[in-house]
């Protein structure tokens, strides 16, 4: 056991990053990830809270029938130094992003070996909420 601990310390000392698992965000709660305020929501009446419209970007997960899908592994990249990766049990992710160009990618938890969906978008960081939809045409609705 001491050998394994020494090996991990050796890896950390060299500056090599160990892989980490994505954190699952709490529902309907703002969380700051790498300086980006993020909210996982979109299920039940809580999605209708007026505060959510104040976020510049809303990413929605849906299938080919335009039904919301819940539960995605999400990665956001763009102006931040390292991509933000997390799991969201809702069907929407809200971001308070500064103006810029971003890429969001997701894989549905119900189809972890299925295809990912991604898109590149630009936000001004203010004004009307930008709606970004990621579609998974062959995934059945789970709501």
C-alpha atoms as a PDB file:
ATOM      1  CA  UNK A   1       0.000   0.000   0.000  1.00  0.00           C
ATOM      2  CA  UNK A   2       2.876   2.372   0.766  1.00  0.00           C
ATOM      3  CA  UNK A   3       4.262   1.765  -2.727  1.00  0.00           C
ATOM      4  CA  UNK A   4       0.976   2.799  -4.353  1.00  0.00           C
ATOM      5  CA  UNK A   5       0.834   5.965  -2.251  1.00  0.00           C
ATOM      6  CA  UNK A   6       4.418   6.835  -3.148  1.00  0.00           C
ATOM      7  CA  UNK A   7       3.651   6.262  -6.848  1.00  0.00           C
ATOM      8  CA  UNK A   8       0.665   8.632  -6.700  1.00  0.00           C
ATOM      9  CA  UNK A   9       2.754  11.257  -4.920  1.00  0.00           C
ATOM     10  CA  UNK A  10       5.430  10.838  -7.582  1.00  0.00           C
ATOM     11  CA  UNK A  11       2.894  11.391 -10.364  1.00  0.00           C
ATOM     12  CA  UNK A  12       1.479  14.460  -8.635  1.00  0.00           C
ATOM     13  CA  UNK A  13       4.974  15.869  -8.109  1.00  0.00           C
ATOM     14  CA  UNK A  14       5.669  15.667 -11.858  1.00  0.00           C
ATOM     15  CA  UNK A  15       2.618  17.804 -12.598  1.00  0.00           C
ATOM     16  CA  UNK A  16       0.762  15.088 -14.508  1.00  0.00           C
ATOM     17  CA  UNK A  17      -2.954  15.448 -13.921  1.00  0.00           C
ATOM     18  CA  UNK A  18      -4.842  12.356 -12.885  1.00  0.00           C
ATOM     19  CA  UNK A  19      -8.214  11.849 -14.572  1.00  0.00           C
ATOM     20  CA  UNK A  20     -11.230  12.879 -12.523  1.00  0.00           C
ATOM     21  CA  UNK A  21     -14.840  11.835 -12.662  1.00  0.00           C
ATOM     22  CA  UNK A  22     -17.396  14.451 -13.599  1.00  0.00           C
ATOM     23  CA  UNK A  23     -19.336  15.932 -10.726  1.00  0.00           C
ATOM     24  CA  UNK A  24     -23.108  15.604 -10.748  1.00  0.00           C
ATOM     25  CA  UNK A  25     -24.626  19.041 -10.266  1.00  0.00           C
ATOM     26  CA  UNK A  26     -27.414  19.506  -7.726  1.00  0.00           C
ATOM     27  CA  UNK A  27     -30.763  20.311  -9.320  1.00  0.00           C
ATOM     28  CA  UNK A  28     -31.966  23.918  -9.417  1.00  0.00           C
ATOM     29  CA  UNK A  29     -28.892  25.275  -7.641  1.00  0.00           C
ATOM     30  CA  UNK A  30     -26.315  27.656  -9.078  1.00  0.00           C
ATOM     31  CA  UNK A  31     -22.804  26.185  -8.921  1.00  0.00           C
ATOM     32  CA  UNK A  32     -19.611  27.897 -10.080  1.00  0.00           C
ATOM     33  CA  UNK A  33     -17.341  25.640 -12.151  1.00  0.00           C
ATOM     34  CA  UNK A  34     -14.041  27.126 -13.362  1.00  0.00           C
ATOM     35  CA  UNK A  35     -15.503  30.587 -12.893  1.00  0.00           C
ATOM     36  CA  UNK A  36     -18.695  29.789 -14.859  1.00  0.00           C
ATOM     37  CA  UNK A  37     -22.003  29.975 -12.986  1.00  0.00           C
ATOM     38  CA  UNK A  38     -23.926  26.855 -14.014  1.00  0.00           C
ATOM     39  CA  UNK A  39     -27.399  25.512 -13.173  1.00  0.00           C
ATOM     40  CA  UNK A  40     -28.889  22.098 -13.909  1.00  0.00           C
ATOM     41  CA  UNK A  41     -32.691  22.404 -14.168  1.00  0.00           C
ATOM     42  CA  UNK A  42     -35.558  21.803 -16.583  1.00  0.00           C
ATOM     43  CA  UNK A  43     -37.706  19.269 -14.716  1.00  0.00           C
ATOM     44  CA  UNK A  44     -40.984  19.961 -12.949  1.00  0.00           C
ATOM     45  CA  UNK A  45     -42.286  23.370 -11.965  1.00  0.00           C
ATOM     46  CA  UNK A  46     -38.849  24.596 -10.851  1.00  0.00           C
ATOM     47  CA  UNK A  47     -37.913  25.104 -14.504  1.00  0.00           C
ATOM     48  CA  UNK A  48     -40.470  27.927 -14.603  1.00  0.00           C
ATOM     49  CA  UNK A  49     -38.654  30.033 -11.985  1.00  0.00           C
ATOM     50  CA  UNK A  50     -38.190  33.559 -13.360  1.00  0.00           C
ATOM     51  CA  UNK A  51     -34.568  33.699 -12.167  1.00  0.00           C
ATOM     52  CA  UNK A  52     -33.559  31.139 -14.813  1.00  0.00           C
ATOM     53  CA  UNK A  53     -34.390  33.596 -17.625  1.00  0.00           C
ATOM     54  CA  UNK A  54     -31.573  35.832 -16.350  1.00  0.00           C
ATOM     55  CA  UNK A  55     -28.923  33.368 -17.547  1.00  0.00           C
ATOM     56  CA  UNK A  56     -27.524  34.323 -20.986  1.00  0.00           C
ATOM     57  CA  UNK A  57     -27.418  30.705 -22.276  1.00  0.00           C
ATOM     58  CA  UNK A  58     -29.834  27.768 -21.933  1.00  0.00           C
ATOM     59  CA  UNK A  59     -28.761  24.409 -23.338  1.00  0.00           C
ATOM     60  CA  UNK A  60     -31.622  21.935 -23.865  1.00  0.00           C
ATOM     61  CA  UNK A  61     -31.429  18.184 -24.473  1.00  0.00           C
ATOM     62  CA  UNK A  62     -34.134  16.646 -26.667  1.00  0.00           C
ATOM     63  CA  UNK A  63     -34.847  13.722 -28.971  1.00  0.00           C
ATOM     64  CA  UNK A  64     -36.071  13.588 -32.569  1.00  0.00           C
ATOM     65  CA  UNK A  65     -39.674  14.012 -31.354  1.00  0.00           C
ATOM     66  CA  UNK A  66     -38.748  17.311 -29.654  1.00  0.00           C
ATOM     67  CA  UNK A  67     -39.290  15.705 -26.238  1.00  0.00           C
ATOM     68  CA  UNK A  68     -36.980  16.797 -23.452  1.00  0.00           C
ATOM     69  CA  UNK A  69     -34.354  14.304 -22.324  1.00  0.00           C
ATOM     70  CA  UNK A  70     -32.886  14.297 -18.828  1.00  0.00           C
ATOM     71  CA  UNK A  71     -29.513  13.117 -17.636  1.00  0.00           C
ATOM     72  CA  UNK A  72     -26.478  14.119 -19.663  1.00  0.00           C
ATOM     73  CA  UNK A  73     -22.715  14.147 -19.308  1.00  0.00           C
ATOM     74  CA  UNK A  74     -21.813  17.678 -20.458  1.00  0.00           C
ATOM     75  CA  UNK A  75     -18.573  19.383 -21.496  1.00  0.00           C
ATOM     76  CA  UNK A  76     -18.304  23.112 -22.132  1.00  0.00           C
ATOM     77  CA  UNK A  77     -15.184  24.610 -23.680  1.00  0.00           C
ATOM     78  CA  UNK A  78     -14.328  28.084 -24.854  1.00  0.00           C
ATOM     79  CA  UNK A  79     -12.801  31.058 -23.071  1.00  0.00           C
ATOM     80  CA  UNK A  80     -11.982  29.131 -19.891  1.00  0.00           C
ATOM     81  CA  UNK A  81      -8.520  27.612 -19.403  1.00  0.00           C
ATOM     82  CA  UNK A  82      -9.800  24.049 -19.083  1.00  0.00           C
ATOM     83  CA  UNK A  83     -13.124  22.619 -20.240  1.00  0.00           C
ATOM     84  CA  UNK A  84     -15.909  22.342 -17.679  1.00  0.00           C
ATOM     85  CA  UNK A  85     -17.260  18.791 -17.379  1.00  0.00           C
ATOM     86  CA  UNK A  86     -20.215  17.688 -15.257  1.00  0.00           C
ATOM     87  CA  UNK A  87     -23.314  15.505 -15.143  1.00  0.00           C
ATOM     88  CA  UNK A  88     -26.790  17.052 -15.156  1.00  0.00           C
ATOM     89  CA  UNK A  89     -29.887  15.055 -14.208  1.00  0.00           C
ATOM     90  CA  UNK A  90     -32.164  17.719 -15.710  1.00  0.00           C
ATOM     91  CA  UNK A  91     -33.028  18.519 -19.301  1.00  0.00           C
ATOM     92  CA  UNK A  92     -31.607  22.063 -19.277  1.00  0.00           C
ATOM     93  CA  UNK A  93     -28.266  23.557 -18.341  1.00  0.00           C
ATOM     94  CA  UNK A  94     -28.030  27.288 -17.767  1.00  0.00           C
ATOM     95  CA  UNK A  95     -24.736  29.151 -18.083  1.00  0.00           C
ATOM     96  CA  UNK A  96     -23.790  32.676 -17.059  1.00  0.00           C
ATOM     97  CA  UNK A  97     -21.069  33.092 -19.662  1.00  0.00           C
ATOM     98  CA  UNK A  98     -19.104  36.161 -20.674  1.00  0.00           C
ATOM     99  CA  UNK A  99     -19.284  37.172 -24.315  1.00  0.00           C
ATOM    100  CA  UNK A 100     -17.470  34.764 -26.583  1.00  0.00           C
ATOM    101  CA  UNK A 101     -17.485  31.591 -28.642  1.00  0.00           C
ATOM    102  CA  UNK A 102     -18.127  28.260 -26.899  1.00  0.00           C
ATOM    103  CA  UNK A 103     -18.634  24.590 -27.686  1.00  0.00           C
ATOM    104  CA  UNK A 104     -20.975  22.370 -25.717  1.00  0.00           C
ATOM    105  CA  UNK A 105     -20.952  18.581 -26.062  1.00  0.00           C
ATOM    106  CA  UNK A 106     -23.183  16.028 -24.335  1.00  0.00           C
ATOM    107  CA  UNK A 107     -23.763  12.290 -24.115  1.00  0.00           C
ATOM    108  CA  UNK A 108     -27.032  11.018 -22.648  1.00  0.00           C
ATOM    109  CA  UNK A 109     -26.686   8.878 -19.515  1.00  0.00           C
ATOM    110  CA  UNK A 110     -29.437   6.587 -20.833  1.00  0.00           C
ATOM    111  CA  UNK A 111     -27.279   5.877 -23.908  1.00  0.00           C
ATOM    112  CA  UNK A 112     -23.666   6.228 -22.660  1.00  0.00           C
ATOM    113  CA  UNK A 113     -22.276   4.338 -25.652  1.00  0.00           C
ATOM    114  CA  UNK A 114     -24.493   6.243 -28.050  1.00  0.00           C
ATOM    115  CA  UNK A 115     -23.510   9.241 -30.112  1.00  0.00           C
ATOM    116  CA  UNK A 116     -22.660  12.566 -28.598  1.00  0.00           C
ATOM    117  CA  UNK A 117     -24.206  15.819 -29.735  1.00  0.00           C
ATOM    118  CA  UNK A 118     -22.318  19.081 -29.869  1.00  0.00           C
ATOM    119  CA  UNK A 119     -22.612  22.568 -31.211  1.00  0.00           C
ATOM    120  CA  UNK A 120     -20.627  25.775 -31.290  1.00  0.00           C
ATOM    121  CA  UNK A 121     -22.398  28.951 -30.266  1.00  0.00           C
ATOM    122  CA  UNK A 122     -21.640  32.597 -29.633  1.00  0.00           C
ATOM    123  CA  UNK A 123     -23.098  34.629 -26.796  1.00  0.00           C
ATOM    124  CA  UNK A 124     -22.988  38.335 -26.071  1.00  0.00           C
ATOM    125  CA  UNK A 125     -23.114  37.568 -22.339  1.00  0.00           C
ATOM    126  CA  UNK A 126     -26.278  39.644 -21.918  1.00  0.00           C
ATOM    127  CA  UNK A 127     -29.598  40.395 -23.571  1.00  0.00           C
ATOM    128  CA  UNK A 128     -32.259  37.794 -24.363  1.00  0.00           C
ATOM    129  CA  UNK A 129     -31.457  34.238 -23.378  1.00  0.00           C
ATOM    130  CA  UNK A 130     -29.755  32.228 -26.125  1.00  0.00           C
ATOM    131  CA  UNK A 131     -31.382  28.793 -26.556  1.00  0.00           C
ATOM    132  CA  UNK A 132     -28.966  26.061 -27.644  1.00  0.00           C
ATOM    133  CA  UNK A 133     -30.515  22.676 -28.437  1.00  0.00           C
ATOM    134  CA  UNK A 134     -28.634  19.403 -28.496  1.00  0.00           C
ATOM    135  CA  UNK A 135     -30.672  16.671 -30.187  1.00  0.00           C
ATOM    136  CA  UNK A 136     -30.380  12.937 -29.740  1.00  0.00           C
ATOM    137  CA  UNK A 137     -32.815  11.667 -32.407  1.00  0.00           C
ATOM    138  CA  UNK A 138     -32.738   7.987 -31.412  1.00  0.00           C
ATOM    139  CA  UNK A 139     -33.045   8.347 -27.626  1.00  0.00           C
ATOM    140  CA  UNK A 140     -36.459   7.752 -26.051  1.00  0.00           C
ATOM    141  CA  UNK A 141     -37.844  10.382 -23.688  1.00  0.00           C
ATOM    142  CA  UNK A 142     -37.188   9.603 -20.047  1.00  0.00           C
ATOM    143  CA  UNK A 143     -39.443  12.236 -18.525  1.00  0.00           C
END
